[in-house]
Amino acid sequence: MRTIIVLTPEELSRLASLELQARAIVEGILSGHHHSPARGVSIEFAEHRQYAPGDDLRHIDWKVFGRRDRYYVRQYEMESDLTCHLLLDVTESMTYQSVGTPVSKLAYAKWLLAAIGFVVIQQQDLVSLSTIDRSTARQLPAGGRLGHWQAVVDRLKGITPTATPARSERPFATALEQFTEQTPRRSVVVIASDCLRPLDEIRAGLQAARSRRHDVLLWHVLDPAEWEFAFEGPVLFQGMELLGEQLVETRSLKQAYQAEVRKFCDGLELACRDLRVDYHRVLTREPVDLVLRQALVERGGARSAGS
């Protein structure tokens, strides 16, 4: 079986052709040069505004003063590189891979983040890599060269899951709160996780990231069996994250299970919408390039509807 993290030239070509441009996936992530909302003397004139006490006199536009007999100062927009922080959930549940599914959730998430990192660096922006379980661990600082992307891929290959006790207190929220404290500058945050935590805990973590005005994308990675519950007869389920084993008659459970899963996912999607977090649910049998293309279409459609 091919190692899922290895991207062939054909796959890289397809990913590059997606043209994930500025404001398509998140505001300004992939435009190459990005206009910063911060004001200052820089490259491009933006607009005038009336002079206020304390403004730098060097920025007064004397030509406008001559026409209007009032003081106006010039404002400028700065061009800036954006940083895209890739956050990978490495809890033990991410290793799940059902029979007949090509890869585990963790392998799929690695491939997804590697692909996003490649496109971001191709657009001359910066990428960092962190893992999340009970805390946040920065694996690689931000970098913007193609060699840095290869370092991201190499680091992703070596990342292994941790056996986080399922009853540990709010690991997802704690990890994102810690990440937010370490990342004060507004940036793009891409999270790949199976979200097997209570909904209020996930919401608290996402809210922490949004409180610093980060643009947040949540990739909710599921195995097809977790979504469809395609089991027959009695099945012995082995719980991950120290939950033990349980023998289950799947036929009697299937309908109730599917209802609960859809209820949870609907609630998560609604929470993301309320927090202005981009939510994308993906199954591990879906091709990554098609998943990214669909994200572009959805983002563009949402922006067109809002304009």
C-alpha atoms as a PDB file:
ATOM      1  CA  MET A   1       0.000   0.000   0.000  1.00  0.00           C
ATOM      2  CA  ARG A   2       1.308   3.464  -0.872  1.00  0.00           C
ATOM      3  CA  THR A   3       2.245   5.630   2.089  1.00  0.00           C
ATOM      4  CA  ILE A   4      -0.567   8.147   2.266  1.00  0.00           C
ATOM      5  CA  ILE A   5       1.644  11.105   3.104  1.00  0.00           C
ATOM      6  CA  VAL A   6       3.679  10.803  -0.120  1.00  0.00           C
ATOM      7  CA  LEU A   7       2.302  13.161  -2.760  1.00  0.00           C
ATOM      8  CA  THR A   8       3.118  12.218  -6.346  1.00  0.00           C
ATOM      9  CA  PRO A   9       3.929  14.911  -8.948  1.00  0.00           C
ATOM     10  CA  GLU A  10       0.508  14.316 -10.493  1.00  0.00           C
ATOM     11  CA  GLU A  11      -1.200  14.873  -7.147  1.00  0.00           C
ATOM     12  CA  LEU A  12       0.846  18.008  -6.507  1.00  0.00           C
ATOM     13  CA  SER A  13      -0.095  19.291  -9.954  1.00  0.00           C
ATOM     14  CA  ARG A  14      -3.787  18.728  -9.270  1.00  0.00           C
ATOM     15  CA  LEU A  15      -3.534  20.463  -5.909  1.00  0.00           C
ATOM     16  CA  ALA A  16      -1.701  23.451  -7.392  1.00  0.00           C
ATOM     17  CA  SER A  17      -4.372  23.795 -10.090  1.00  0.00           C
ATOM     18  CA  LEU A  18      -7.101  24.159  -7.485  1.00  0.00           C
ATOM     19  CA  GLU A  19      -6.191  27.869  -7.260  1.00  0.00           C
ATOM     20  CA  LEU A  20      -7.218  28.225  -3.642  1.00  0.00           C
ATOM     21  CA  GLN A  21      -7.005  31.992  -3.777  1.00  0.00           C
ATOM     22  CA  ALA A  22      -7.436  34.759  -1.237  1.00  0.00           C
ATOM     23  CA  ARG A  23     -10.782  34.700   0.559  1.00  0.00           C
ATOM     24  CA  ALA A  24     -11.749  31.423  -1.108  1.00  0.00           C
ATOM     25  CA  ILE A  25     -11.023  29.149   1.841  1.00  0.00           C
ATOM     26  CA  VAL A  26     -10.314  31.821   4.451  1.00  0.00           C
ATOM     27  CA  GLU A  27      -9.834  35.562   4.261  1.00  0.00           C
ATOM     28  CA  GLY A  28      -6.630  36.244   2.436  1.00  0.00           C
ATOM     29  CA  ILE A  29      -4.917  32.927   3.145  1.00  0.00           C
ATOM     30  CA  LEU A  30      -3.763  32.055  -0.336  1.00  0.00           C
ATOM     31  CA  SER A  31      -3.437  35.247  -2.366  1.00  0.00           C
ATOM     32  CA  GLY A  32       0.342  35.513  -2.335  1.00  0.00           C
ATOM     33  CA  HIS A  33       0.217  39.118  -1.116  1.00  0.00           C
ATOM     34  CA  HIS A  34      -2.440  40.083   1.407  1.00  0.00           C
ATOM     35  CA  HIS A  35      -3.762  43.449   2.413  1.00  0.00           C
ATOM     36  CA  SER A  36      -3.478  43.947   6.140  1.00  0.00           C
ATOM     37  CA  PRO A  37      -6.232  45.829   7.992  1.00  0.00           C
ATOM     38  CA  ALA A  38      -3.471  47.520  10.005  1.00  0.00           C
ATOM     39  CA  ARG A  39      -2.693  51.058   8.842  1.00  0.00           C
ATOM     40  CA  GLY A  40       0.752  52.521   8.340  1.00  0.00           C
ATOM     41  CA  VAL A  41       3.232  53.923   5.848  1.00  0.00           C
ATOM     42  CA  SER A  42       3.841  51.193   3.326  1.00  0.00           C
ATOM     43  CA  ILE A  43       3.370  50.307  -0.300  1.00  0.00           C
ATOM     44  CA  GLU A  44      -0.070  51.325  -1.429  1.00  0.00           C
ATOM     45  CA  PHE A  45      -2.222  54.408  -0.741  1.00  0.00           C
ATOM     46  CA  ALA A  46      -5.642  53.473   0.616  1.00  0.00           C
ATOM     47  CA  GLU A  47      -7.722  56.553   1.503  1.00  0.00           C
ATOM     48  CA  HIS A  48      -7.884  59.944   3.216  1.00  0.00           C
ATOM     49  CA  ARG A  49      -9.358  60.712   6.594  1.00  0.00           C
ATOM     50  CA  GLN A  50      -9.666  63.954   8.511  1.00  0.00           C
ATOM     51  CA  TYR A  51      -6.703  64.928  10.699  1.00  0.00           C
ATOM     52  CA  ALA A  52      -6.971  64.147  14.414  1.00  0.00           C
ATOM     53  CA  PRO A  53      -4.708  65.405  17.232  1.00  0.00           C
ATOM     54  CA  GLY A  54      -1.709  63.100  17.530  1.00  0.00           C
ATOM     55  CA  ASP A  55      -1.531  62.180  13.836  1.00  0.00           C
ATOM     56  CA  ASP A  56       1.894  62.346  12.200  1.00  0.00           C
ATOM     57  CA  LEU A  57       2.140  65.723  10.435  1.00  0.00           C
ATOM     58  CA  ARG A  58       4.204  64.126   7.690  1.00  0.00           C
ATOM     59  CA  HIS A  59       1.101  62.328   6.465  1.00  0.00           C
ATOM     60  CA  ILE A  60      -0.966  65.478   5.901  1.00  0.00           C
ATOM     61  CA  ASP A  61      -1.989  65.834   2.256  1.00  0.00           C
ATOM     62  CA  TRP A  62      -1.323  69.504   1.545  1.00  0.00           C
ATOM     63  CA  LYS A  63      -2.953  69.373  -1.880  1.00  0.00           C
ATOM     64  CA  VAL A  64      -6.229  68.362  -0.288  1.00  0.00           C
ATOM     65  CA  PHE A  65      -5.765  71.111   2.311  1.00  0.00           C
ATOM     66  CA  GLY A  66      -5.384  73.636  -0.500  1.00  0.00           C
ATOM     67  CA  ARG A  67      -8.672  72.523  -2.074  1.00  0.00           C
ATOM     68  CA  ARG A  68     -10.779  72.059   1.062  1.00  0.00           C
ATOM     69  CA  ASP A  69      -9.086  74.263   3.640  1.00  0.00           C
ATOM     70  CA  ARG A  70      -9.094  71.290   6.031  1.00  0.00           C
ATOM     71  CA  TYR A  71      -6.383  68.938   7.147  1.00  0.00           C
ATOM     72  CA  TYR A  72      -6.533  65.369   5.852  1.00  0.00           C
ATOM     73  CA  VAL A  73      -3.995  62.605   6.332  1.00  0.00           C
ATOM     74  CA  ARG A  74      -3.153  59.790   3.981  1.00  0.00           C
ATOM     75  CA  GLN A  75      -3.746  56.195   5.040  1.00  0.00           C
ATOM     76  CA  TYR A  76      -1.941  53.266   3.512  1.00  0.00           C
ATOM     77  CA  GLU A  77      -2.435  49.528   3.342  1.00  0.00           C
ATOM     78  CA  MET A  78       0.470  47.280   4.161  1.00  0.00           C
ATOM     79  CA  GLU A  79       1.157  44.081   2.297  1.00  0.00           C
ATOM     80  CA  SER A  80       1.862  41.212   4.627  1.00  0.00           C
ATOM     81  CA  ASP A  81       2.551  37.509   4.661  1.00  0.00           C
ATOM     82  CA  LEU A  82      -0.056  35.460   6.467  1.00  0.00           C
ATOM     83  CA  THR A  83       0.737  32.496   8.649  1.00  0.00           C
ATOM     84  CA  CYS A  84      -1.300  29.320   8.364  1.00  0.00           C
ATOM     85  CA  HIS A  85      -1.071  27.150  11.483  1.00  0.00           C
ATOM     86  CA  LEU A  86      -1.759  23.460  10.853  1.00  0.00           C
ATOM     87  CA  LEU A  87      -3.117  21.660  13.948  1.00  0.00           C
ATOM     88  CA  LEU A  88      -3.283  17.865  13.904  1.00  0.00           C
ATOM     89  CA  ASP A  89      -5.318  15.869  16.426  1.00  0.00           C
ATOM     90  CA  VAL A  90      -3.096  12.994  17.589  1.00  0.00           C
ATOM     91  CA  THR A  91      -5.399  11.353  20.125  1.00  0.00           C
ATOM     92  CA  GLU A  92      -5.620   7.572  19.878  1.00  0.00           C
ATOM     93  CA  SER A  93      -9.079   7.578  18.275  1.00  0.00           C
ATOM     94  CA  MET A  94      -7.534   9.101  15.150  1.00  0.00           C
ATOM     95  CA  THR A  95      -5.845   5.743  14.402  1.00  0.00           C
ATOM     96  CA  TYR A  96      -9.188   4.058  13.670  1.00  0.00           C
ATOM     97  CA  GLN A  97      -9.473   2.406  10.259  1.00  0.00           C
ATOM     98  CA  SER A  98     -12.431   0.197   9.422  1.00  0.00           C
ATOM     99  CA  VAL A  99     -12.192  -2.884   7.209  1.00  0.00           C
ATOM    100  CA  GLY A 100     -12.124  -1.928   3.541  1.00  0.00           C
ATOM    101  CA  THR A 101     -11.176   1.697   4.188  1.00  0.00           C
ATOM    102  CA  PRO A 102      -7.836   2.643   2.586  1.00  0.00           C
ATOM    103  CA  VAL A 103      -6.372   4.724   5.425  1.00  0.00           C
ATOM    104  CA  SER A 104      -6.849   5.666   9.060  1.00  0.00           C
ATOM    105  CA  LYS A 105      -8.233   9.027  10.112  1.00  0.00           C
ATOM    106  CA  LEU A 106      -4.776  10.085  11.246  1.00  0.00           C
ATOM    107  CA  ALA A 107      -3.158   9.202   7.915  1.00  0.00           C
ATOM    108  CA  TYR A 108      -5.903  11.009   6.019  1.00  0.00           C
ATOM    109  CA  ALA A 109      -5.568  14.097   8.218  1.00  0.00           C
ATOM    110  CA  LYS A 110      -1.811  14.112   7.622  1.00  0.00           C
ATOM    111  CA  TRP A 111      -2.357  14.004   3.871  1.00  0.00           C
ATOM    112  CA  LEU A 112      -4.948  16.750   4.063  1.00  0.00           C
ATOM    113  CA  LEU A 113      -2.718  19.085   6.089  1.00  0.00           C
ATOM    114  CA  ALA A 114       0.283  18.341   3.878  1.00  0.00           C
ATOM    115  CA  ALA A 115      -1.758  19.286   0.821  1.00  0.00           C
ATOM    116  CA  ILE A 116      -2.985  22.528   2.383  1.00  0.00           C
ATOM    117  CA  GLY A 117       0.548  23.375   3.482  1.00  0.00           C
ATOM    118  CA  PHE A 118       1.842  22.845  -0.047  1.00  0.00           C
ATOM    119  CA  VAL A 119      -0.713  25.186  -1.589  1.00  0.00           C
ATOM    120  CA  VAL A 120      -0.114  27.858   1.060  1.00  0.00           C
ATOM    121  CA  ILE A 121       3.652  27.836   0.524  1.00  0.00           C
ATOM    122  CA  GLN A 122       3.172  27.883  -3.245  1.00  0.00           C
ATOM    123  CA  GLN A 123       1.322  31.155  -2.646  1.00  0.00           C
ATOM    124  CA  GLN A 124       4.348  32.499  -0.732  1.00  0.00           C
ATOM    125  CA  ASP A 125       2.752  32.399   2.705  1.00  0.00           C
ATOM    126  CA  LEU A 126       3.978  30.813   5.929  1.00  0.00           C
ATOM    127  CA  VAL A 127       3.060  27.454   7.465  1.00  0.00           C
ATOM    128  CA  SER A 128       3.601  26.056  10.956  1.00  0.00           C
ATOM    129  CA  LEU A 129       2.716  22.638  12.358  1.00  0.00           C
ATOM    130  CA  SER A 130       1.413  21.707  15.813  1.00  0.00           C
ATOM    131  CA  THR A 131      -0.199  18.662  17.375  1.00  0.00           C
ATOM    132  CA  ILE A 132      -3.084  18.694  19.824  1.00  0.00           C
ATOM    133  CA  ASP A 133      -4.153  16.170  22.416  1.00  0.00           C
ATOM    134  CA  ARG A 134      -4.178  17.197  26.089  1.00  0.00           C
ATOM    135  CA  SER A 135      -2.075  20.222  25.155  1.00  0.00           C
ATOM    136  CA  THR A 136      -0.597  21.887  22.111  1.00  0.00           C
ATOM    137  CA  ALA A 137       2.889  20.900  20.975  1.00  0.00           C
ATOM    138  CA  ARG A 138       4.553  23.079  18.353  1.00  0.00           C
ATOM    139  CA  GLN A 139       6.279  20.704  15.950  1.00  0.00           C
ATOM    140  CA  LEU A 140       7.657  23.240  13.482  1.00  0.00           C
ATOM    141  CA  PRO A 141       7.711  27.056  13.535  1.00  0.00           C
ATOM    142  CA  ALA A 142       6.378  29.046  10.610  1.00  0.00           C
ATOM    143  CA  GLY A 143       8.326  28.945   7.365  1.00  0.00           C
ATOM    144  CA  GLY A 144       7.623  29.774   3.755  1.00  0.00           C
ATOM    145  CA  ARG A 145      10.097  27.951   1.532  1.00  0.00           C
ATOM    146  CA  LEU A 146       9.428  24.728  -0.329  1.00  0.00           C
ATOM    147  CA  GLY A 147      12.110  23.063   1.772  1.00  0.00           C
ATOM    148  CA  HIS A 148      10.070  23.984   4.844  1.00  0.00           C
ATOM    149  CA  TRP A 149       7.045  22.230   3.359  1.00  0.00           C
ATOM    150  CA  GLN A 150       9.162  19.103   2.943  1.00  0.00           C
ATOM    151  CA  ALA A 151      10.131  19.445   6.607  1.00  0.00           C
ATOM    152  CA  VAL A 152       6.417  19.615   7.475  1.00  0.00           C
ATOM    153  CA  VAL A 153       5.807  16.424   5.490  1.00  0.00           C
ATOM    154  CA  ASP A 154       8.744  14.663   7.133  1.00  0.00           C
ATOM    155  CA  ARG A 155       7.530  15.682  10.576  1.00  0.00           C
ATOM    156  CA  LEU A 156       3.990  14.534   9.785  1.00  0.00           C
ATOM    157  CA  LYS A 157       5.318  11.112   8.795  1.00  0.00           C
ATOM    158  CA  GLY A 158       6.914  10.684  12.201  1.00  0.00           C
ATOM    159  CA  ILE A 159       3.977  11.808  14.333  1.00  0.00           C
ATOM    160  CA  THR A 160       2.364   9.015  16.350  1.00  0.00           C
ATOM    161  CA  PRO A 161      -0.853   9.133  18.395  1.00  0.00           C
ATOM    162  CA  THR A 162      -1.098   9.441  22.152  1.00  0.00           C
ATOM    163  CA  ALA A 163      -3.376   7.413  24.405  1.00  0.00           C
ATOM    164  CA  THR A 164      -5.322  10.265  25.944  1.00  0.00           C
ATOM    165  CA  PRO A 165      -7.749   9.040  28.630  1.00  0.00           C
ATOM    166  CA  ALA A 166     -11.257   9.697  27.395  1.00  0.00           C
ATOM    167  CA  ARG A 167     -12.242  11.061  30.789  1.00  0.00           C
ATOM    168  CA  SER A 168      -9.410  13.590  31.009  1.00  0.00           C
ATOM    169  CA  GLU A 169     -10.767  17.062  31.537  1.00  0.00           C
ATOM    170  CA  ARG A 170     -11.430  19.126  28.387  1.00  0.00           C
ATOM    171  CA  PRO A 171      -8.275  18.203  26.414  1.00  0.00           C
ATOM    172  CA  PHE A 172      -9.505  19.720  23.134  1.00  0.00           C
ATOM    173  CA  ALA A 173     -10.508  23.038  24.672  1.00  0.00           C
ATOM    174  CA  THR A 174      -7.365  23.201  26.802  1.00  0.00           C
ATOM    175  CA  ALA A 175      -5.141  22.571  23.790  1.00  0.00           C
ATOM    176  CA  LEU A 176      -6.756  25.313  21.703  1.00  0.00           C
ATOM    177  CA  GLU A 177      -6.758  27.763  24.602  1.00  0.00           C
ATOM    178  CA  GLN A 178      -3.047  27.096  25.038  1.00  0.00           C
ATOM    179  CA  PHE A 179      -2.434  27.538  21.321  1.00  0.00           C
ATOM    180  CA  THR A 180      -4.311  30.843  21.362  1.00  0.00           C
ATOM    181  CA  GLU A 181      -2.161  32.151  24.202  1.00  0.00           C
ATOM    182  CA  GLN A 182       0.958  31.233  22.237  1.00  0.00           C
ATOM    183  CA  THR A 183      -0.320  32.783  18.995  1.00  0.00           C
ATOM    184  CA  PRO A 184      -1.444  36.365  19.626  1.00  0.00           C
ATOM    185  CA  ARG A 185      -1.074  37.573  16.031  1.00  0.00           C
ATOM    186  CA  ARG A 186      -4.134  37.101  13.865  1.00  0.00           C
ATOM    187  CA  SER A 187      -3.587  34.186  11.494  1.00  0.00           C
ATOM    188  CA  VAL A 188      -5.234  31.238   9.797  1.00  0.00           C
ATOM    189  CA  VAL A 189      -5.769  28.107  11.893  1.00  0.00           C
ATOM    190  CA  VAL A 190      -6.511  24.793  10.178  1.00  0.00           C
ATOM    191  CA  ILE A 191      -7.582  21.955  12.483  1.00  0.00           C
ATOM    192  CA  ALA A 192      -7.897  18.308  11.421  1.00  0.00           C
ATOM    193  CA  SER A 193      -9.674  16.225  14.062  1.00  0.00           C
ATOM    194  CA  ASP A 194     -12.296  13.521  14.482  1.00  0.00           C
ATOM    195  CA  CYS A 195     -13.917  15.718  17.153  1.00  0.00           C
ATOM    196  CA  LEU A 196     -14.682  12.825  19.478  1.00  0.00           C
ATOM    197  CA  ARG A 197     -15.227  15.139  22.413  1.00  0.00           C
ATOM    198  CA  PRO A 198     -18.332  16.689  24.008  1.00  0.00           C
ATOM    199  CA  LEU A 199     -19.789  19.405  21.818  1.00  0.00           C
ATOM    200  CA  ASP A 200     -19.507  22.129  24.463  1.00  0.00           C
ATOM    201  CA  GLU A 201     -15.796  21.374  24.863  1.00  0.00           C
ATOM    202  CA  ILE A 202     -15.148  21.652  21.121  1.00  0.00           C
ATOM    203  CA  ARG A 203     -17.112  24.883  20.985  1.00  0.00           C
ATOM    204  CA  ALA A 204     -15.065  26.312  23.874  1.00  0.00           C
ATOM    205  CA  GLY A 205     -11.836  25.509  22.066  1.00  0.00           C
ATOM    206  CA  LEU A 206     -12.987  27.044  18.801  1.00  0.00           C
ATOM    207  CA  GLN A 207     -14.288  30.092  20.639  1.00  0.00           C
ATOM    208  CA  ALA A 208     -10.871  30.582  22.231  1.00  0.00           C
ATOM    209  CA  ALA A 209      -9.262  30.673  18.795  1.00  0.00           C
ATOM    210  CA  ARG A 210     -11.906  33.003  17.392  1.00  0.00           C
ATOM    211  CA  SER A 211     -11.529  35.365  20.364  1.00  0.00           C
ATOM    212  CA  ARG A 212      -8.153  36.401  18.906  1.00  0.00           C
ATOM    213  CA  ARG A 213      -9.796  36.909  15.514  1.00  0.00           C
ATOM    214  CA  HIS A 214      -8.024  33.930  13.976  1.00  0.00           C
ATOM    215  CA  ASP A 215      -9.620  32.583  10.809  1.00  0.00           C
ATOM    216  CA  VAL A 216     -10.427  28.993  11.739  1.00  0.00           C
ATOM    217  CA  LEU A 217     -11.103  25.999   9.498  1.00  0.00           C
ATOM    218  CA  LEU A 218     -12.215  22.747  11.101  1.00  0.00           C
ATOM    219  CA  TRP A 219     -11.814  19.571   9.070  1.00  0.00           C
ATOM    220  CA  HIS A 220     -13.981  16.962  10.770  1.00  0.00           C
ATOM    221  CA  VAL A 221     -12.379  13.682   9.690  1.00  0.00           C
ATOM    222  CA  LEU A 222     -14.508  10.540  10.020  1.00  0.00           C
ATOM    223  CA  ASP A 223     -14.132   6.930   8.993  1.00  0.00           C
ATOM    224  CA  PRO A 224     -17.050   5.785   6.801  1.00  0.00           C
ATOM    225  CA  ALA A 225     -17.994   3.186   9.414  1.00  0.00           C
ATOM    226  CA  GLU A 226     -18.356   5.919  12.030  1.00  0.00           C
ATOM    227  CA  TRP A 227     -20.799   7.752   9.788  1.00  0.00           C
ATOM    228  CA  GLU A 228     -22.705   4.812   8.313  1.00  0.00           C
ATOM    229  CA  PHE A 229     -22.322   2.163  11.045  1.00  0.00           C
ATOM    230  CA  ALA A 230     -22.088  -0.550   8.384  1.00  0.00           C
ATOM    231  CA  PHE A 231     -21.769  -3.481  10.780  1.00  0.00           C
ATOM    232  CA  GLU A 232     -23.746  -6.724  10.789  1.00  0.00           C
ATOM    233  CA  GLY A 233     -24.572  -9.025  13.694  1.00  0.00           C
ATOM    234  CA  PRO A 234     -22.798  -9.074  17.060  1.00  0.00           C
ATOM    235  CA  VAL A 235     -19.544  -7.094  16.996  1.00  0.00           C
ATOM    236  CA  LEU A 236     -16.922  -6.717  19.717  1.00  0.00           C
ATOM    237  CA  PHE A 237     -15.973  -3.040  19.807  1.00  0.00           C
ATOM    238  CA  GLN A 238     -12.610  -2.142  21.278  1.00  0.00           C
ATOM    239  CA  GLY A 239     -12.708   1.306  22.809  1.00  0.00           C
ATOM    240  CA  MET A 240      -9.825   3.655  22.162  1.00  0.00           C
ATOM    241  CA  GLU A 241      -8.463   6.160  24.647  1.00  0.00           C
ATOM    242  CA  LEU A 242      -8.693   3.617  27.496  1.00  0.00           C
ATOM    243  CA  LEU A 243     -12.398   2.823  27.185  1.00  0.00           C
ATOM    244  CA  GLY A 244     -12.136  -0.994  27.092  1.00  0.00           C
ATOM    245  CA  GLU A 245     -14.277  -3.423  25.063  1.00  0.00           C
ATOM    246  CA  GLN A 246     -17.986  -4.031  24.579  1.00  0.00           C
ATOM    247  CA  LEU A 247     -19.970  -6.674  22.679  1.00  0.00           C
ATOM    248  CA  VAL A 248     -22.813  -5.045  20.744  1.00  0.00           C
ATOM    249  CA  GLU A 249     -25.716  -6.393  18.699  1.00  0.00           C
ATOM    250  CA  THR A 250     -25.346  -3.920  15.844  1.00  0.00           C
ATOM    251  CA  ARG A 251     -28.691  -4.513  14.133  1.00  0.00           C
ATOM    252  CA  SER A 252     -30.694  -3.169  17.058  1.00  0.00           C
ATOM    253  CA  LEU A 253     -28.296  -0.267  17.581  1.00  0.00           C
ATOM    254  CA  LYS A 254     -27.763   0.986  14.030  1.00  0.00           C
ATOM    255  CA  GLN A 255     -30.721   3.352  13.700  1.00  0.00           C
ATOM    256  CA  ALA A 256     -30.212   4.967  17.101  1.00  0.00           C
ATOM    257  CA  TYR A 257     -26.474   5.300  16.476  1.00  0.00           C
ATOM    258  CA  GLN A 258     -26.952   7.006  13.120  1.00  0.00           C
ATOM    259  CA  ALA A 259     -29.453   9.412  14.653  1.00  0.00           C
ATOM    260  CA  GLU A 260     -27.020  10.353  17.432  1.00  0.00           C
ATOM    261  CA  VAL A 261     -24.092  10.828  15.049  1.00  0.00           C
ATOM    262  CA  ARG A 262     -26.103  13.086  12.769  1.00  0.00           C
ATOM    263  CA  LYS A 263     -27.429  15.038  15.726  1.00  0.00           C
ATOM    264  CA  PHE A 264     -23.882  15.607  16.977  1.00  0.00           C
ATOM    265  CA  CYS A 265     -22.541  16.593  13.551  1.00  0.00           C
ATOM    266  CA  ASP A 266     -25.454  18.955  12.955  1.00  0.00           C
ATOM    267  CA  GLY A 267     -24.809  20.550  16.338  1.00  0.00           C
ATOM    268  CA  LEU A 268     -21.112  20.906  15.580  1.00  0.00           C
ATOM    269  CA  GLU A 269     -21.815  22.456  12.198  1.00  0.00           C
ATOM    270  CA  LEU A 270     -24.262  24.908  13.791  1.00  0.00           C
ATOM    271  CA  ALA A 271     -21.725  25.857  16.479  1.00  0.00           C
ATOM    272  CA  CYS A 272     -19.132  26.506  13.786  1.00  0.00           C
ATOM    273  CA  ARG A 273     -21.572  28.652  11.853  1.00  0.00           C
ATOM    274  CA  ASP A 274     -22.329  30.706  14.971  1.00  0.00           C
ATOM    275  CA  LEU A 275     -18.607  31.206  15.600  1.00  0.00           C
ATOM    276  CA  ARG A 276     -17.847  31.922  11.930  1.00  0.00           C
ATOM    277  CA  VAL A 277     -15.642  28.855  11.682  1.00  0.00           C
ATOM    278  CA  ASP A 278     -15.414  27.068   8.335  1.00  0.00           C
ATOM    279  CA  TYR A 279     -16.647  23.510   8.914  1.00  0.00           C
ATOM    280  CA  HIS A 280     -15.888  20.662   6.527  1.00  0.00           C
ATOM    281  CA  ARG A 281     -16.891  17.080   7.297  1.00  0.00           C
ATOM    282  CA  VAL A 282     -14.934  14.516   5.283  1.00  0.00           C
ATOM    283  CA  LEU A 283     -14.843  10.726   5.116  1.00  0.00           C
ATOM    284  CA  THR A 284     -11.495   9.019   4.735  1.00  0.00           C
ATOM    285  CA  ARG A 285     -12.435   7.398   1.419  1.00  0.00           C
ATOM    286  CA  GLU A 286     -12.825  10.797  -0.290  1.00  0.00           C
ATOM    287  CA  PRO A 287      -9.959  12.034  -2.534  1.00  0.00           C
ATOM    288  CA  VAL A 288      -8.208  14.968  -0.877  1.00  0.00           C
ATOM    289  CA  ASP A 289      -7.965  17.099  -4.010  1.00  0.00           C
ATOM    290  CA  LEU A 290     -11.716  16.788  -4.598  1.00  0.00           C
ATOM    291  CA  VAL A 291     -12.383  17.622  -0.947  1.00  0.00           C
ATOM    292  CA  LEU A 292     -10.327  20.813  -1.252  1.00  0.00           C
ATOM    293  CA  ARG A 293     -12.026  21.730  -4.513  1.00  0.00           C
ATOM    294  CA  GLN A 294     -15.444  21.342  -2.894  1.00  0.00           C
ATOM    295  CA  ALA A 295     -14.323  23.534   0.007  1.00  0.00           C
ATOM    296  CA  LEU A 296     -13.431  26.229  -2.506  1.00  0.00           C
ATOM    297  CA  VAL A 297     -16.839  26.014  -4.171  1.00  0.00           C
ATOM    298  CA  GLU A 298     -18.678  26.178  -0.844  1.00  0.00           C
ATOM    299  CA  ARG A 299     -16.606  29.119   0.372  1.00  0.00           C
ATOM    300  CA  GLY A 300     -17.090  31.025  -2.857  1.00  0.00           C
ATOM    301  CA  GLY A 301     -20.825  30.373  -2.812  1.00  0.00           C
ATOM    302  CA  ALA A 302     -21.150  31.521   0.782  1.00  0.00           C
ATOM    303  CA  ARG A 303     -19.303  34.755   0.009  1.00  0.00           C
ATOM    304  CA  SER A 304     -21.381  35.411  -3.102  1.00  0.00           C
ATOM    305  CA  ALA A 305     -24.576  34.960  -1.107  1.00  0.00           C
ATOM    306  CA  GLY A 306     -23.303  37.322   1.574  1.00  0.00           C
ATOM    307  CA  SER A 307     -22.181  40.033  -0.835  1.00  0.00           C
END
